[in-house]
Amino acid sequence: MSAPNSDSAPVFQALIHPHASLSRGGWWWLGGGLTVAVAATGLRFWLIGAWPVAIFAALEIGLFLILFARHTRAMRRTELILLTPGELTIIRTDPAGRRSERRLQPAWLNVVLQDRTGRVPALFLATRGVREEIATCLGESEKRSLAAALGTALHRLRNPRFDNPQLRDPA
């Protein structure tokens, strides 16, 4: 990741990451509890002579652990939106830790919230034929809030208020 211009301070920044369903401790409790419950059920069927059920119970535990580990790994992705007076930078980090960067000029940048029937709306940054979808992991209210905050930041950046002491009331 290259550093943004040091002479321009961020006007707006948002770090977006998926909602974590469980903490690391919660993951161990869930995985351990499910393993014990399914193993106890499998052992019970093994003892009454239905040993194929125990084999499928072991496969079920393994499948659950693999799928939940993949889900937990996918929660590592992040998206950083950084707005400075010169550019808007989107830095995405995938679950493997690889980063990608996209830079857009904020002068003609628009925040577009596209409603989709029966689904969470899509949030785009659009400028001169380029549409970049952001915040794909957020829900509807979070996307609407982000769209409003980013739109306000872009408006303030394009329409600065200058404070001229000579124009103030002398009172």
N, C-alpha and C. Protein backbone atom coordinates (compact mmCIF):
# COMPACT_ATOMS: atom_id res chain seq x y z
N MET A 1 0.86 -1.18 0.00
CA MET A 1 0.00 0.00 0.00
C MET A 1 0.89 1.22 0.00
N SER A 2 0.69 2.09 -0.93
CA SER A 2 1.46 3.32 -0.95
C SER A 2 0.75 4.36 -0.10
N ALA A 3 1.54 5.21 0.50
CA ALA A 3 0.99 6.21 1.41
C ALA A 3 0.35 7.34 0.62
N PRO A 4 -0.78 7.87 1.10
CA PRO A 4 -1.38 9.02 0.43
C PRO A 4 -0.48 10.24 0.60
N ASN A 5 -0.80 11.27 -0.14
CA ASN A 5 0.00 12.50 -0.06
C ASN A 5 0.08 12.97 1.37
N SER A 6 1.30 13.23 1.82
CA SER A 6 1.48 13.64 3.21
C SER A 6 1.01 15.06 3.46
N ASP A 7 0.90 15.87 2.39
CA ASP A 7 0.48 17.26 2.57
C ASP A 7 -1.04 17.40 2.64
N SER A 8 -1.78 16.34 2.39
CA SER A 8 -3.23 16.44 2.45
C SER A 8 -3.78 15.48 3.51
N ALA A 9 -4.42 16.06 4.49
CA ALA A 9 -5.00 15.27 5.59
C ALA A 9 -6.30 14.65 5.12
N PRO A 10 -6.68 13.50 5.67
CA PRO A 10 -7.94 12.88 5.28
C PRO A 10 -9.14 13.74 5.67
N VAL A 11 -10.08 13.85 4.76
CA VAL A 11 -11.32 14.57 5.00
C VAL A 11 -12.37 13.60 5.55
N PHE A 12 -12.28 12.36 5.08
CA PHE A 12 -13.23 11.32 5.47
C PHE A 12 -12.52 9.98 5.38
N GLN A 13 -12.82 9.10 6.32
CA GLN A 13 -12.30 7.75 6.22
C GLN A 13 -13.26 6.79 6.89
N ALA A 14 -13.40 5.62 6.28
CA ALA A 14 -14.29 4.59 6.81
C ALA A 14 -13.62 3.24 6.62
N LEU A 15 -13.57 2.46 7.68
CA LEU A 15 -13.05 1.10 7.62
C LEU A 15 -14.25 0.16 7.68
N ILE A 16 -14.40 -0.64 6.64
CA ILE A 16 -15.55 -1.53 6.52
C ILE A 16 -15.06 -2.97 6.62
N HIS A 17 -15.71 -3.72 7.48
CA HIS A 17 -15.40 -5.15 7.59
C HIS A 17 -16.69 -5.89 7.89
N PRO A 18 -16.77 -7.16 7.49
CA PRO A 18 -18.00 -7.92 7.73
C PRO A 18 -18.27 -8.08 9.22
N HIS A 19 -19.54 -8.26 9.55
CA HIS A 19 -19.91 -8.49 10.94
C HIS A 19 -19.36 -9.84 11.38
N ALA A 20 -18.67 -9.86 12.49
CA ALA A 20 -18.15 -11.11 13.04
C ALA A 20 -19.25 -11.77 13.85
N SER A 21 -19.61 -12.99 13.48
CA SER A 21 -20.69 -13.67 14.18
C SER A 21 -20.26 -14.19 15.54
N LEU A 22 -18.99 -14.57 15.68
CA LEU A 22 -18.49 -15.09 16.95
C LEU A 22 -17.07 -14.61 17.19
N SER A 23 -16.72 -14.48 18.45
CA SER A 23 -15.33 -14.21 18.80
C SER A 23 -14.56 -15.53 18.72
N ARG A 24 -13.25 -15.47 18.89
CA ARG A 24 -12.44 -16.69 18.85
C ARG A 24 -12.87 -17.66 19.97
N GLY A 25 -13.15 -17.13 21.15
CA GLY A 25 -13.62 -17.98 22.24
C GLY A 25 -14.98 -18.60 21.94
N GLY A 26 -15.86 -17.81 21.34
CA GLY A 26 -17.17 -18.33 20.96
C GLY A 26 -17.07 -19.43 19.93
N TRP A 27 -16.11 -19.27 18.99
CA TRP A 27 -15.88 -20.29 17.97
C TRP A 27 -15.47 -21.60 18.63
N TRP A 28 -14.58 -21.55 19.63
CA TRP A 28 -14.13 -22.77 20.31
C TRP A 28 -15.28 -23.41 21.09
N TRP A 29 -16.10 -22.60 21.74
CA TRP A 29 -17.24 -23.15 22.48
C TRP A 29 -18.24 -23.80 21.53
N LEU A 30 -18.55 -23.15 20.43
CA LEU A 30 -19.50 -23.71 19.47
C LEU A 30 -18.95 -24.99 18.85
N GLY A 31 -17.71 -24.93 18.38
CA GLY A 31 -17.10 -26.12 17.76
C GLY A 31 -16.97 -27.27 18.74
N GLY A 32 -16.54 -26.98 19.95
CA GLY A 32 -16.39 -28.02 20.97
C GLY A 32 -17.73 -28.60 21.39
N GLY A 33 -18.72 -27.74 21.61
CA GLY A 33 -20.05 -28.20 22.01
C GLY A 33 -20.69 -29.06 20.94
N LEU A 34 -20.59 -28.63 19.69
CA LEU A 34 -21.17 -29.41 18.60
C LEU A 34 -20.44 -30.74 18.45
N THR A 35 -19.12 -30.72 18.56
CA THR A 35 -18.34 -31.95 18.45
C THR A 35 -18.75 -32.94 19.54
N VAL A 36 -18.88 -32.47 20.78
CA VAL A 36 -19.27 -33.35 21.88
C VAL A 36 -20.68 -33.90 21.66
N ALA A 37 -21.61 -33.05 21.24
CA ALA A 37 -23.00 -33.49 21.05
C ALA A 37 -23.10 -34.52 19.92
N VAL A 38 -22.46 -34.26 18.80
CA VAL A 38 -22.53 -35.19 17.67
C VAL A 38 -21.76 -36.47 17.99
N ALA A 39 -20.62 -36.35 18.68
CA ALA A 39 -19.85 -37.55 19.05
C ALA A 39 -20.65 -38.42 20.02
N ALA A 40 -21.36 -37.79 20.97
CA ALA A 40 -22.18 -38.56 21.91
C ALA A 40 -23.31 -39.28 21.18
N THR A 41 -23.92 -38.60 20.23
CA THR A 41 -24.98 -39.22 19.44
C THR A 41 -24.43 -40.37 18.61
N GLY A 42 -23.28 -40.15 17.97
CA GLY A 42 -22.65 -41.20 17.17
C GLY A 42 -22.26 -42.39 18.02
N LEU A 43 -21.72 -42.15 19.22
CA LEU A 43 -21.34 -43.24 20.13
C LEU A 43 -22.57 -44.04 20.55
N ARG A 44 -23.65 -43.34 20.81
CA ARG A 44 -24.88 -44.03 21.21
C ARG A 44 -25.36 -44.97 20.11
N PHE A 45 -25.35 -44.49 18.87
CA PHE A 45 -25.77 -45.35 17.76
C PHE A 45 -24.77 -46.48 17.55
N TRP A 46 -23.48 -46.22 17.76
CA TRP A 46 -22.46 -47.27 17.63
C TRP A 46 -22.74 -48.40 18.64
N LEU A 47 -23.08 -48.00 19.87
CA LEU A 47 -23.31 -48.99 20.93
C LEU A 47 -24.56 -49.84 20.68
N ILE A 48 -25.56 -49.31 20.00
CA ILE A 48 -26.76 -50.12 19.73
C ILE A 48 -26.63 -50.87 18.41
N GLY A 49 -25.46 -50.78 17.76
CA GLY A 49 -25.21 -51.57 16.56
C GLY A 49 -25.43 -50.85 15.24
N ALA A 50 -25.77 -49.59 15.27
CA ALA A 50 -25.97 -48.83 14.03
C ALA A 50 -24.70 -48.04 13.73
N TRP A 51 -23.60 -48.75 13.50
CA TRP A 51 -22.30 -48.11 13.34
C TRP A 51 -22.21 -47.18 12.12
N PRO A 52 -22.98 -47.37 11.02
CA PRO A 52 -22.87 -46.40 9.92
C PRO A 52 -23.27 -44.98 10.33
N VAL A 53 -24.17 -44.87 11.31
CA VAL A 53 -24.57 -43.54 11.78
C VAL A 53 -23.38 -42.84 12.42
N ALA A 54 -22.54 -43.56 13.14
CA ALA A 54 -21.36 -42.97 13.78
C ALA A 54 -20.39 -42.45 12.73
N ILE A 55 -20.24 -43.16 11.63
CA ILE A 55 -19.35 -42.71 10.55
C ILE A 55 -19.87 -41.40 9.96
N PHE A 56 -21.17 -41.34 9.70
CA PHE A 56 -21.74 -40.11 9.16
C PHE A 56 -21.69 -38.97 10.17
N ALA A 57 -21.79 -39.28 11.45
CA ALA A 57 -21.66 -38.24 12.48
C ALA A 57 -20.25 -37.65 12.47
N ALA A 58 -19.24 -38.50 12.30
CA ALA A 58 -17.86 -38.00 12.23
C ALA A 58 -17.66 -37.14 10.98
N LEU A 59 -18.24 -37.56 9.86
CA LEU A 59 -18.16 -36.75 8.64
C LEU A 59 -18.86 -35.40 8.82
N GLU A 60 -19.97 -35.43 9.55
CA GLU A 60 -20.72 -34.20 9.81
C GLU A 60 -19.89 -33.22 10.64
N ILE A 61 -19.20 -33.73 11.65
CA ILE A 61 -18.34 -32.86 12.47
C ILE A 61 -17.23 -32.25 11.62
N GLY A 62 -16.59 -33.09 10.81
CA GLY A 62 -15.51 -32.60 9.95
C GLY A 62 -15.99 -31.55 8.98
N LEU A 63 -17.13 -31.79 8.34
CA LEU A 63 -17.69 -30.82 7.39
C LEU A 63 -18.02 -29.50 8.07
N PHE A 64 -18.63 -29.59 9.26
CA PHE A 64 -18.95 -28.36 9.99
C PHE A 64 -17.69 -27.57 10.30
N LEU A 65 -16.66 -28.23 10.79
CA LEU A 65 -15.44 -27.53 11.17
C LEU A 65 -14.77 -26.89 9.96
N ILE A 66 -14.76 -27.58 8.83
CA ILE A 66 -14.16 -27.02 7.61
C ILE A 66 -14.95 -25.80 7.14
N LEU A 67 -16.27 -25.92 7.06
CA LEU A 67 -17.09 -24.81 6.56
C LEU A 67 -17.05 -23.60 7.50
N PHE A 68 -17.08 -23.85 8.79
CA PHE A 68 -17.04 -22.72 9.72
C PHE A 68 -15.67 -22.06 9.72
N ALA A 69 -14.60 -22.83 9.52
CA ALA A 69 -13.27 -22.24 9.41
C ALA A 69 -13.17 -21.36 8.16
N ARG A 70 -13.76 -21.79 7.06
CA ARG A 70 -13.77 -20.97 5.84
C ARG A 70 -14.57 -19.69 6.06
N HIS A 71 -15.69 -19.81 6.76
CA HIS A 71 -16.51 -18.64 7.06
C HIS A 71 -15.73 -17.64 7.93
N THR A 72 -15.06 -18.16 8.95
CA THR A 72 -14.28 -17.30 9.84
C THR A 72 -13.13 -16.63 9.08
N ARG A 73 -12.50 -17.35 8.18
CA ARG A 73 -11.41 -16.78 7.38
C ARG A 73 -11.93 -15.66 6.47
N ALA A 74 -13.12 -15.84 5.92
CA ALA A 74 -13.70 -14.81 5.05
C ALA A 74 -14.01 -13.52 5.80
N MET A 75 -14.15 -13.59 7.11
CA MET A 75 -14.42 -12.41 7.91
C MET A 75 -13.21 -11.49 8.04
N ARG A 76 -12.05 -11.92 7.55
CA ARG A 76 -10.83 -11.11 7.64
C ARG A 76 -10.75 -10.02 6.57
N ARG A 77 -11.64 -10.02 5.61
CA ARG A 77 -11.52 -9.02 4.55
C ARG A 77 -11.94 -7.64 5.07
N THR A 78 -11.29 -6.63 4.56
CA THR A 78 -11.59 -5.26 4.95
C THR A 78 -11.61 -4.36 3.72
N GLU A 79 -12.20 -3.19 3.91
CA GLU A 79 -12.25 -2.18 2.86
C GLU A 79 -12.09 -0.82 3.54
N LEU A 80 -11.08 -0.08 3.12
CA LEU A 80 -10.82 1.25 3.69
C LEU A 80 -11.12 2.28 2.62
N ILE A 81 -11.99 3.23 2.96
CA ILE A 81 -12.32 4.33 2.06
C ILE A 81 -11.70 5.58 2.66
N LEU A 82 -10.79 6.19 1.93
CA LEU A 82 -10.03 7.33 2.42
C LEU A 82 -10.18 8.48 1.43
N LEU A 83 -10.78 9.57 1.90
CA LEU A 83 -11.00 10.75 1.06
C LEU A 83 -10.07 11.86 1.51
N THR A 84 -9.24 12.32 0.59
CA THR A 84 -8.38 13.48 0.81
C THR A 84 -8.77 14.54 -0.21
N PRO A 85 -8.30 15.77 -0.08
CA PRO A 85 -8.68 16.79 -1.07
C PRO A 85 -8.30 16.44 -2.50
N GLY A 86 -7.29 15.61 -2.69
CA GLY A 86 -6.84 15.29 -4.04
C GLY A 86 -7.41 14.01 -4.63
N GLU A 87 -7.82 13.05 -3.79
CA GLU A 87 -8.29 11.79 -4.33
C GLU A 87 -9.08 10.99 -3.29
N LEU A 88 -9.85 10.05 -3.79
CA LEU A 88 -10.53 9.09 -2.95
C LEU A 88 -9.86 7.74 -3.22
N THR A 89 -9.38 7.10 -2.17
CA THR A 89 -8.68 5.83 -2.30
C THR A 89 -9.50 4.74 -1.63
N ILE A 90 -9.67 3.64 -2.35
CA ILE A 90 -10.34 2.46 -1.80
C ILE A 90 -9.28 1.38 -1.70
N ILE A 91 -9.00 0.94 -0.48
CA ILE A 91 -8.00 -0.09 -0.24
C ILE A 91 -8.73 -1.32 0.26
N ARG A 92 -8.68 -2.39 -0.52
CA ARG A 92 -9.34 -3.64 -0.15
C ARG A 92 -8.29 -4.67 0.25
N THR A 93 -8.57 -5.39 1.32
CA THR A 93 -7.71 -6.49 1.77
C THR A 93 -8.55 -7.76 1.77
N ASP A 94 -8.09 -8.78 1.05
CA ASP A 94 -8.83 -10.04 1.00
C ASP A 94 -8.44 -10.92 2.19
N PRO A 95 -9.13 -12.04 2.40
CA PRO A 95 -8.84 -12.89 3.55
C PRO A 95 -7.40 -13.40 3.61
N ALA A 96 -6.73 -13.51 2.46
CA ALA A 96 -5.35 -13.98 2.44
C ALA A 96 -4.36 -12.87 2.78
N GLY A 97 -4.83 -11.64 2.90
CA GLY A 97 -3.95 -10.52 3.24
C GLY A 97 -3.48 -9.72 2.04
N ARG A 98 -3.90 -10.09 0.84
CA ARG A 98 -3.49 -9.34 -0.37
C ARG A 98 -4.30 -8.05 -0.45
N ARG A 99 -3.62 -6.99 -0.82
CA ARG A 99 -4.26 -5.67 -0.91
C ARG A 99 -4.39 -5.22 -2.34
N SER A 100 -5.51 -4.56 -2.62
CA SER A 100 -5.70 -3.91 -3.91
C SER A 100 -6.14 -2.49 -3.63
N GLU A 101 -5.75 -1.61 -4.52
CA GLU A 101 -6.01 -0.19 -4.31
C GLU A 101 -6.67 0.39 -5.55
N ARG A 102 -7.65 1.25 -5.33
CA ARG A 102 -8.32 1.94 -6.43
C ARG A 102 -8.38 3.42 -6.08
N ARG A 103 -7.95 4.27 -6.98
CA ARG A 103 -7.94 5.71 -6.75
C ARG A 103 -8.90 6.39 -7.72
N LEU A 104 -9.72 7.29 -7.17
CA LEU A 104 -10.69 8.04 -7.96
C LEU A 104 -10.53 9.52 -7.65
N GLN A 105 -10.78 10.35 -8.64
CA GLN A 105 -10.73 11.79 -8.44
C GLN A 105 -12.06 12.26 -7.86
N PRO A 106 -12.03 12.99 -6.75
CA PRO A 106 -13.29 13.36 -6.10
C PRO A 106 -14.03 14.53 -6.74
N ALA A 107 -13.44 15.20 -7.71
CA ALA A 107 -14.06 16.40 -8.28
C ALA A 107 -15.44 16.11 -8.86
N TRP A 108 -15.59 15.01 -9.60
CA TRP A 108 -16.87 14.69 -10.22
C TRP A 108 -17.45 13.39 -9.68
N LEU A 109 -17.03 13.00 -8.52
CA LEU A 109 -17.44 11.73 -7.93
C LEU A 109 -18.83 11.84 -7.32
N ASN A 110 -19.67 10.87 -7.61
CA ASN A 110 -21.02 10.83 -7.06
C ASN A 110 -21.21 9.55 -6.25
N VAL A 111 -21.97 9.64 -5.18
CA VAL A 111 -22.33 8.48 -4.38
C VAL A 111 -23.72 8.05 -4.84
N VAL A 112 -23.83 6.81 -5.34
CA VAL A 112 -25.09 6.31 -5.88
C VAL A 112 -25.54 5.11 -5.06
N LEU A 113 -26.71 5.21 -4.48
CA LEU A 113 -27.32 4.11 -3.74
C LEU A 113 -28.43 3.55 -4.62
N GLN A 114 -28.19 2.39 -5.20
CA GLN A 114 -29.13 1.80 -6.15
C GLN A 114 -30.00 0.77 -5.44
N ASP A 115 -31.30 1.07 -5.34
CA ASP A 115 -32.23 0.14 -4.70
C ASP A 115 -32.47 -1.05 -5.61
N ARG A 116 -32.52 -2.23 -5.00
CA ARG A 116 -32.79 -3.47 -5.72
C ARG A 116 -33.95 -4.17 -5.03
N THR A 117 -34.95 -4.56 -5.77
CA THR A 117 -36.16 -5.15 -5.21
C THR A 117 -35.83 -6.43 -4.45
N GLY A 118 -36.22 -6.46 -3.18
CA GLY A 118 -36.05 -7.65 -2.36
C GLY A 118 -34.63 -7.92 -1.91
N ARG A 119 -33.71 -7.01 -2.15
CA ARG A 119 -32.31 -7.21 -1.78
C ARG A 119 -31.78 -5.93 -1.15
N VAL A 120 -30.63 -6.05 -0.54
CA VAL A 120 -29.95 -4.89 0.04
C VAL A 120 -29.51 -3.98 -1.11
N PRO A 121 -29.69 -2.67 -0.99
CA PRO A 121 -29.27 -1.78 -2.08
C PRO A 121 -27.76 -1.85 -2.31
N ALA A 122 -27.36 -1.52 -3.53
CA ALA A 122 -25.94 -1.49 -3.89
C ALA A 122 -25.45 -0.06 -3.75
N LEU A 123 -24.22 0.10 -3.24
CA LEU A 123 -23.62 1.42 -3.06
C LEU A 123 -22.47 1.55 -4.04
N PHE A 124 -22.55 2.55 -4.92
CA PHE A 124 -21.54 2.77 -5.95
C PHE A 124 -20.92 4.15 -5.80
N LEU A 125 -19.68 4.25 -6.24
CA LEU A 125 -19.02 5.53 -6.47
C LEU A 125 -18.91 5.65 -7.98
N ALA A 126 -19.47 6.71 -8.54
CA ALA A 126 -19.51 6.85 -9.99
C ALA A 126 -18.86 8.15 -10.43
N THR A 127 -18.06 8.06 -11.48
CA THR A 127 -17.43 9.23 -12.08
C THR A 127 -17.00 8.90 -13.50
N ARG A 128 -17.36 9.73 -14.45
CA ARG A 128 -16.93 9.62 -15.84
C ARG A 128 -16.90 8.19 -16.39
N GLY A 129 -18.01 7.50 -16.31
CA GLY A 129 -18.10 6.16 -16.87
C GLY A 129 -17.53 5.06 -16.00
N VAL A 130 -17.03 5.38 -14.83
CA VAL A 130 -16.48 4.39 -13.91
C VAL A 130 -17.45 4.23 -12.75
N ARG A 131 -17.83 2.99 -12.48
CA ARG A 131 -18.68 2.69 -11.32
C ARG A 131 -17.96 1.66 -10.47
N GLU A 132 -17.72 2.00 -9.24
CA GLU A 132 -17.01 1.13 -8.30
C GLU A 132 -17.95 0.82 -7.14
N GLU A 133 -18.31 -0.46 -6.98
CA GLU A 133 -19.18 -0.84 -5.87
C GLU A 133 -18.35 -0.94 -4.60
N ILE A 134 -18.89 -0.39 -3.53
CA ILE A 134 -18.21 -0.43 -2.24
C ILE A 134 -19.16 -0.98 -1.19
N ALA A 135 -18.61 -1.37 -0.07
CA ALA A 135 -19.37 -1.79 1.12
C ALA A 135 -20.34 -2.92 0.82
N THR A 136 -19.87 -3.94 0.10
CA THR A 136 -20.76 -5.05 -0.28
C THR A 136 -21.18 -5.88 0.92
N CYS A 137 -20.44 -5.83 2.02
CA CYS A 137 -20.76 -6.68 3.18
C CYS A 137 -21.68 -5.98 4.18
N LEU A 138 -22.06 -4.75 3.94
CA LEU A 138 -22.91 -4.02 4.89
C LEU A 138 -24.39 -4.25 4.60
N GLY A 139 -25.19 -4.03 5.63
CA GLY A 139 -26.64 -4.11 5.50
C GLY A 139 -27.21 -2.81 4.98
N GLU A 140 -28.53 -2.77 4.83
CA GLU A 140 -29.18 -1.61 4.23
C GLU A 140 -28.97 -0.33 5.04
N SER A 141 -29.21 -0.36 6.34
CA SER A 141 -29.09 0.86 7.14
C SER A 141 -27.64 1.37 7.17
N GLU A 142 -26.68 0.44 7.24
CA GLU A 142 -25.28 0.86 7.25
C GLU A 142 -24.88 1.48 5.92
N LYS A 143 -25.39 0.91 4.81
CA LYS A 143 -25.08 1.48 3.49
C LYS A 143 -25.69 2.87 3.33
N ARG A 144 -26.92 3.03 3.80
CA ARG A 144 -27.55 4.35 3.71
C ARG A 144 -26.80 5.38 4.55
N SER A 145 -26.36 4.98 5.73
CA SER A 145 -25.59 5.87 6.59
C SER A 145 -24.25 6.23 5.96
N LEU A 146 -23.56 5.24 5.40
CA LEU A 146 -22.28 5.49 4.74
C LEU A 146 -22.46 6.39 3.53
N ALA A 147 -23.51 6.15 2.75
CA ALA A 147 -23.78 6.98 1.57
C ALA A 147 -24.02 8.43 1.98
N ALA A 148 -24.78 8.64 3.03
CA ALA A 148 -25.05 10.01 3.49
C ALA A 148 -23.78 10.68 4.00
N ALA A 149 -22.99 9.97 4.79
CA ALA A 149 -21.76 10.56 5.35
C ALA A 149 -20.75 10.85 4.25
N LEU A 150 -20.57 9.93 3.31
CA LEU A 150 -19.61 10.15 2.22
C LEU A 150 -20.10 11.25 1.29
N GLY A 151 -21.39 11.29 1.02
CA GLY A 151 -21.95 12.35 0.19
C GLY A 151 -21.75 13.72 0.83
N THR A 152 -21.95 13.81 2.14
CA THR A 152 -21.74 15.06 2.86
C THR A 152 -20.27 15.47 2.82
N ALA A 153 -19.37 14.52 2.99
CA ALA A 153 -17.93 14.82 2.95
C ALA A 153 -17.51 15.30 1.56
N LEU A 154 -18.03 14.67 0.51
CA LEU A 154 -17.72 15.12 -0.86
C LEU A 154 -18.27 16.51 -1.12
N HIS A 155 -19.49 16.79 -0.61
CA HIS A 155 -20.09 18.11 -0.79
C HIS A 155 -19.25 19.18 -0.09
N ARG A 156 -18.82 18.90 1.13
CA ARG A 156 -17.99 19.87 1.86
C ARG A 156 -16.64 20.08 1.18
N LEU A 157 -16.11 19.03 0.58
CA LEU A 157 -14.82 19.14 -0.11
C LEU A 157 -14.95 20.01 -1.35
N ARG A 158 -16.06 19.87 -2.07
CA ARG A 158 -16.26 20.65 -3.30
C ARG A 158 -16.73 22.07 -3.02
N ASN A 159 -17.34 22.30 -1.87
CA ASN A 159 -17.89 23.61 -1.53
C ASN A 159 -17.32 24.09 -0.20
N PRO A 160 -16.06 24.45 -0.18
CA PRO A 160 -15.47 24.86 1.10
C PRO A 160 -16.02 26.20 1.58
N ARG A 161 -16.01 26.39 2.88
CA ARG A 161 -16.41 27.67 3.47
C ARG A 161 -15.14 28.38 3.88
N PHE A 162 -14.96 29.54 3.32
CA PHE A 162 -13.77 30.33 3.63
C PHE A 162 -14.11 31.33 4.72
N ASP A 163 -13.23 31.45 5.67
CA ASP A 163 -13.42 32.40 6.77
C ASP A 163 -12.49 33.58 6.52
N ASN A 164 -13.08 34.67 6.06
CA ASN A 164 -12.31 35.88 5.81
C ASN A 164 -12.55 36.84 6.97
N PRO A 165 -11.54 37.08 7.80
CA PRO A 165 -11.73 37.96 8.97
C PRO A 165 -12.17 39.37 8.60
N GLN A 166 -11.83 39.82 7.40
CA GLN A 166 -12.19 41.18 6.99
C GLN A 166 -13.69 41.31 6.71
N LEU A 167 -14.36 40.20 6.47
CA LEU A 167 -15.77 40.24 6.17
C LEU A 167 -16.66 40.00 7.38
N ARG A 168 -16.08 39.77 8.53
CA ARG A 168 -16.86 39.51 9.76
C ARG A 168 -17.48 40.81 10.26
N ASP A 169 -18.58 40.65 11.01
CA ASP A 169 -19.19 41.83 11.65
C ASP A 169 -18.27 42.34 12.74
N PRO A 170 -18.09 43.65 12.85
CA PRO A 170 -17.19 44.20 13.87
C PRO A 170 -17.77 44.09 15.28
N ALA A 171 -19.03 43.74 15.43
CA ALA A 171 -19.66 43.69 16.74
C ALA A 171 -19.15 42.57 17.52
